[in-house]
Protein backbone atom coordinates (compact mmCIF):
# COMPACT_ATOMS: atom_id res chain seq x y z
CA MET A 1 0.09 -0.03 -0.10
CA LYS A 2 1.33 3.69 -1.02
CA SER A 3 1.76 5.66 1.77
CA VAL A 4 -0.23 9.48 2.19
CA ARG A 5 2.97 11.06 1.50
CA GLU A 6 3.47 9.27 -1.60
CA ASN A 7 0.34 10.08 -2.78
CA SER A 8 0.87 13.93 -1.87
CA ASP A 9 3.98 14.16 -3.90
CA ARG A 10 1.36 13.69 -7.07
CA PRO A 11 1.28 16.72 -8.68
CA ALA A 12 -2.34 17.99 -8.10
CA LEU A 13 -5.07 18.00 -10.81
CA GLU A 14 -5.52 20.96 -11.99
CA ALA A 15 -8.99 22.70 -11.89
CA ALA A 16 -10.79 23.56 -14.97
CA PRO A 17 -10.69 27.90 -15.61
CA PRO A 18 -13.77 29.38 -15.04
CA ALA A 19 -15.80 30.32 -18.14
CA PRO A 20 -15.30 33.65 -19.18
CA ALA A 21 -18.52 35.75 -18.11
CA PRO A 22 -20.67 36.46 -21.12
CA THR A 23 -20.01 39.98 -22.93
CA LYS A 24 -23.28 42.23 -22.66
CA GLU A 25 -23.69 41.80 -26.50
CA GLU A 26 -24.20 37.94 -25.35
CA ARG A 27 -26.18 38.89 -22.93
CA ASP A 28 -28.65 40.92 -24.71
CA ALA A 29 -28.34 37.60 -27.65
CA ALA A 30 -29.43 35.50 -25.29
CA ALA A 31 -32.32 37.43 -24.16
CA GLY A 32 -33.70 38.28 -27.49
CA GLU A 33 -34.06 34.84 -28.19
CA ALA A 34 -36.88 34.43 -26.14
CA TRP A 35 -38.68 37.10 -28.18
CA ALA A 36 -37.37 35.64 -31.68
CA TYR A 37 -41.18 34.29 -32.69
CA GLU A 38 -41.86 38.32 -32.74
CA VAL A 39 -39.66 39.28 -34.99
CA ALA A 40 -41.20 37.66 -38.11
CA HIS A 41 -42.05 40.03 -40.94
CA PRO A 42 -42.02 40.83 -44.81
CA ALA A 43 -39.36 42.72 -44.50
CA SER A 44 -37.60 40.53 -42.72
CA ALA A 45 -34.70 40.31 -45.51
CA GLU A 46 -34.24 43.91 -46.13
CA ASP A 47 -31.87 46.02 -44.44
CA LEU A 48 -34.32 47.40 -41.46
CA THR A 49 -31.29 49.93 -40.09
CA PRO A 50 -32.71 53.14 -41.61
CA VAL A 51 -36.43 51.66 -41.20
CA VAL A 52 -35.63 51.38 -37.61
CA GLY A 53 -34.03 55.01 -37.20
CA THR A 54 -36.84 56.63 -39.42
CA ASN A 55 -39.47 55.27 -37.24
CA LEU A 56 -37.70 56.06 -33.88
CA ARG A 57 -36.86 59.41 -35.19
CA ARG A 58 -41.11 59.93 -35.74
CA LEU A 59 -42.30 58.20 -32.28
CA ARG A 60 -39.95 60.22 -29.86
CA ILE A 61 -41.08 63.52 -31.83
CA GLN A 62 -44.52 62.04 -31.64
CA ARG A 63 -44.17 61.80 -27.70
CA GLY A 64 -42.29 64.86 -27.06
CA LEU A 65 -39.51 63.11 -25.80
CA SER A 66 -35.29 64.22 -26.09
CA LEU A 67 -32.82 61.82 -26.79
CA GLU A 68 -31.49 62.25 -23.22
CA ARG A 69 -35.64 61.42 -21.81
CA LEU A 70 -35.90 58.19 -23.75
CA ALA A 71 -32.18 57.13 -22.76
CA LYS A 72 -33.37 57.37 -19.14
CA ALA A 73 -37.05 55.63 -19.83
CA SER A 74 -35.32 52.74 -21.84
CA GLY A 75 -31.63 51.76 -20.41
CA VAL A 76 -30.27 52.48 -24.01
CA SER A 77 -27.90 54.62 -23.60
CA ARG A 78 -28.53 58.47 -25.64
CA ALA A 79 -25.26 57.92 -27.85
CA MET A 80 -26.41 54.58 -29.02
CA LEU A 81 -30.19 56.12 -29.72
CA GLY A 82 -28.70 58.73 -31.57
CA GLN A 83 -26.67 56.25 -34.12
CA VAL A 84 -29.87 54.39 -34.49
CA GLU A 85 -31.79 57.13 -35.31
CA LEU A 86 -29.08 58.31 -38.23
CA GLY A 87 -29.16 55.17 -39.43
CA LYS A 88 -25.53 54.49 -38.20
CA SER A 89 -25.81 51.30 -36.01
CA ALA A 90 -28.10 48.16 -36.45
CA PRO A 91 -29.91 47.33 -33.30
CA THR A 92 -29.91 44.25 -31.52
CA ILE A 93 -33.70 42.47 -30.86
CA ASN A 94 -33.24 43.69 -27.39
CA VAL A 95 -32.22 46.81 -28.03
CA ILE A 96 -35.68 47.20 -30.38
CA TRP A 97 -37.47 45.92 -27.64
CA LYS A 98 -36.61 48.29 -24.93
CA ILE A 99 -37.43 51.09 -26.83
CA ALA A 100 -40.62 49.94 -28.16
CA ARG A 101 -41.13 49.61 -24.72
CA ALA A 102 -40.13 53.16 -23.09
CA LEU A 103 -42.22 54.10 -26.23
CA ALA A 104 -45.48 51.98 -25.59
CA VAL A 105 -45.68 50.86 -28.80
CA PRO A 106 -45.46 47.36 -30.45
CA PHE A 107 -42.47 45.98 -31.57
CA SER A 108 -43.96 46.21 -35.17
CA ALA A 109 -43.84 49.84 -34.78
CA LEU A 110 -40.44 50.53 -34.95
CA ILE A 111 -39.88 47.63 -37.69
CA GLY A 112 -42.56 48.55 -40.21
CA HIS A 113 -42.70 50.45 -42.40
CA MET A 114 -44.86 53.88 -42.42
CA PRO A 115 -46.88 54.66 -45.87
CA THR A 116 -45.77 58.11 -46.80
CA GLY A 117 -48.69 58.99 -49.29
CA GLY A 118 -50.89 58.03 -51.75
CA THR A 119 -54.52 56.20 -50.87
CA VAL A 120 -55.08 53.33 -48.36
CA ARG A 121 -58.36 51.16 -48.86
CA MET A 122 -59.78 49.74 -46.38
CA PRO A 123 -62.92 47.38 -47.38
CA ALA A 124 -65.63 47.04 -45.00
CA SER A 125 -65.23 43.18 -45.47
CA ARG A 126 -61.75 43.09 -43.64
CA SER A 127 -62.29 45.83 -41.35
CA LYS A 128 -61.11 45.41 -37.02
CA ARG A 129 -64.11 45.46 -35.19
CA LEU A 130 -64.69 44.91 -31.11
CA LEU A 131 -67.42 44.11 -29.65
CA SER A 132 -68.82 44.53 -26.30
CA HIS A 133 -69.29 41.51 -23.93
CA ASP A 134 -73.35 41.14 -25.08
CA GLY A 135 -72.73 42.19 -29.12
CA LYS A 136 -74.49 45.10 -28.27
CA PHE A 137 -72.02 47.84 -28.88
CA SER A 138 -69.38 47.36 -31.74
CA SER A 139 -66.56 49.81 -33.07
CA ARG A 140 -64.61 49.49 -35.80
CA ALA A 141 -61.41 51.53 -36.75
CA LEU A 142 -61.10 53.44 -40.03
CA PHE A 143 -58.13 53.99 -40.09
CA PRO A 144 -54.78 51.24 -40.57
CA PHE A 145 -53.27 49.63 -38.09
CA ASP A 146 -49.29 50.96 -39.41
CA SER A 147 -48.27 52.67 -36.34
CA PRO A 148 -49.50 54.24 -32.94
CA ARG A 149 -50.82 57.44 -33.91
CA SER A 150 -52.54 60.41 -31.49
CA VAL A 151 -56.19 61.02 -33.22
CA GLU A 152 -57.86 57.81 -34.08
CA PHE A 153 -61.47 57.07 -36.17
CA TYR A 154 -64.25 55.24 -35.57
CA GLU A 155 -67.77 54.15 -36.59
CA LEU A 156 -69.70 53.31 -33.50
CA ARG A 157 -72.95 51.30 -33.47
CA LEU A 158 -75.61 50.56 -30.40
CA ALA A 159 -78.32 48.13 -30.57
CA PRO A 160 -82.01 49.33 -29.62
CA LEU A 161 -82.37 50.35 -26.37
CA ALA A 162 -78.91 49.13 -25.32
CA VAL A 163 -76.13 50.82 -23.30
CA GLU A 164 -72.08 51.04 -23.30
CA ASN A 165 -70.58 52.31 -20.22
CA ALA A 166 -66.72 53.34 -21.46
CA ASP A 167 -64.05 53.57 -18.59
CA PRO A 168 -62.19 56.81 -18.43
CA HIS A 169 -59.25 57.58 -21.04
CA PRO A 170 -56.15 58.21 -20.12
CA PRO A 171 -55.92 62.39 -19.16
CA GLY A 172 -55.76 64.90 -22.16
CA THR A 173 -58.20 62.55 -23.78
CA VAL A 174 -60.82 64.44 -26.05
CA GLU A 175 -63.52 62.65 -27.93
CA ASN A 176 -65.71 64.15 -31.08
CA LEU A 177 -68.56 61.99 -31.26
CA VAL A 178 -71.27 63.07 -34.71
CA VAL A 179 -74.42 60.96 -34.91
CA SER A 180 -75.28 59.83 -38.26
CA HIS A 181 -78.41 57.71 -37.43
CA GLY A 182 -80.54 57.29 -35.02
CA THR A 183 -80.51 59.09 -31.19
CA VAL A 184 -78.25 59.02 -28.52
CA GLU A 185 -78.01 59.79 -24.89
CA VAL A 186 -74.39 61.06 -24.51
CA SER A 187 -73.19 60.90 -20.44
CA VAL A 188 -70.16 62.30 -19.13
CA GLY A 189 -69.77 62.67 -15.51
CA ALA A 190 -73.50 64.15 -14.39
CA GLU A 191 -73.76 65.97 -17.64
CA ARG A 192 -76.63 64.23 -19.93
CA HIS A 193 -76.88 65.29 -23.68
CA LEU A 194 -79.31 63.89 -26.18
CA LEU A 195 -77.96 63.85 -29.31
CA ALA A 196 -80.41 63.70 -32.75
CA THR A 197 -79.23 62.50 -35.95
CA GLY A 198 -76.17 65.05 -37.33
CA ASP A 199 -76.00 66.50 -33.65
CA ALA A 200 -72.42 66.44 -32.66
CA LEU A 201 -70.47 66.41 -29.54
CA LEU A 202 -67.37 67.01 -28.35
CA PHE A 203 -65.98 66.14 -24.25
CA GLU A 204 -63.09 65.55 -22.43
CA ALA A 205 -63.05 61.47 -22.08
CA ASP A 206 -61.01 61.02 -19.35
CA VAL A 207 -64.10 60.59 -16.94
CA PRO A 208 -66.42 57.50 -17.03
CA HIS A 209 -68.88 58.43 -19.85
CA VAL A 210 -71.84 56.51 -20.99
CA TYR A 211 -73.56 55.93 -24.64
CA ARG A 212 -76.99 54.81 -24.17
CA ASN A 213 -79.85 54.15 -27.42
CA PRO A 214 -83.31 54.90 -26.27
CA ALA A 215 -85.00 54.64 -29.59
CA ASP A 216 -85.96 51.18 -30.56
CA ALA A 217 -84.06 51.16 -33.94
CA GLU A 218 -80.19 50.86 -34.32
CA ALA A 219 -77.69 54.04 -33.90
CA VAL A 220 -74.61 54.85 -35.65
CA MET A 221 -72.14 57.40 -34.75
CA TYR A 222 -68.60 58.60 -35.52
CA LEU A 223 -65.85 58.83 -33.57
CA VAL A 224 -62.52 60.95 -33.73
CA MET A 225 -60.68 60.35 -30.72
CA THR A 226 -57.31 62.59 -29.71
CA TYR A 227 -55.12 61.81 -27.43
CA SER A 228 -52.42 63.99 -25.64
CA ILE A 229 -49.06 64.44 -26.77
CA PRO A 230 -46.78 64.28 -23.67
CA ALA A 231 -44.80 67.38 -23.05
CA PRO A 232 -40.91 67.13 -23.61
C-alpha cells in the first residue's frame, strides 16, 4: 500500500479555469432569443437599419421626448439612440424591445414601413371590429394599423335600447362624436346630452362616460378620438 506521503507527492490535477463571463452583447442576444417569434416580418430580408431609425425618430418626436429622456426610460444610451436614428448603427433585437417598451408601442411599430402617401383602401369586409360582451355595441376602426397615432377615427354602432359604459381614457383624451343615424344619449360625468341625427358632441373623455340608445332602432355614430401628446 502506498503511503499518504507518496500520494501527496503527486501533482494535483489542475481545475479547469472558469468560463469567461458573457459580454453585454452576448447577454442581449440571449435575452433576445426569448422574443425571436415576434420578429417575423414580410420585410425581414431587408436592411432594417434605416427603417428603424426613421420610425424611432418619428415616434420619439410625436411623444415630445428628447434623446436624453428616452435614454433614461429605455436603458439604452443616448449615444446609441442617436446612432440608431441616424441609421449608423443596427440595433439588436433586445435594444429594439427596450425602445418599444419605453415608447409604449408594439415591436412592429419600429420595424414596420410607414406609408408615405397615396391611398389606403380598407374594405368593410376586412375591417377590424370590436364588440361589447353582449354584442350590442360595436366599434370599427377607420384607420390602418400601421403605427401608433395620436388621432383615431371609429364607426360606432349601438343596438336598440342598449347601453355602453366606457371607462375613463388617459388624461387629455378628447372625443368628438357625431350621430349619423338614430338618437343617442351621452352621459359625461354628471352631464347628460341627448343627440339626434346630425348632432355632435365634443368632450374630455378622461372621466367615465356612457352611451345609451333610447330608441327602438340601431344608432350609428362616428368618433374622432384625440390623445394628449406628452410634454417634453
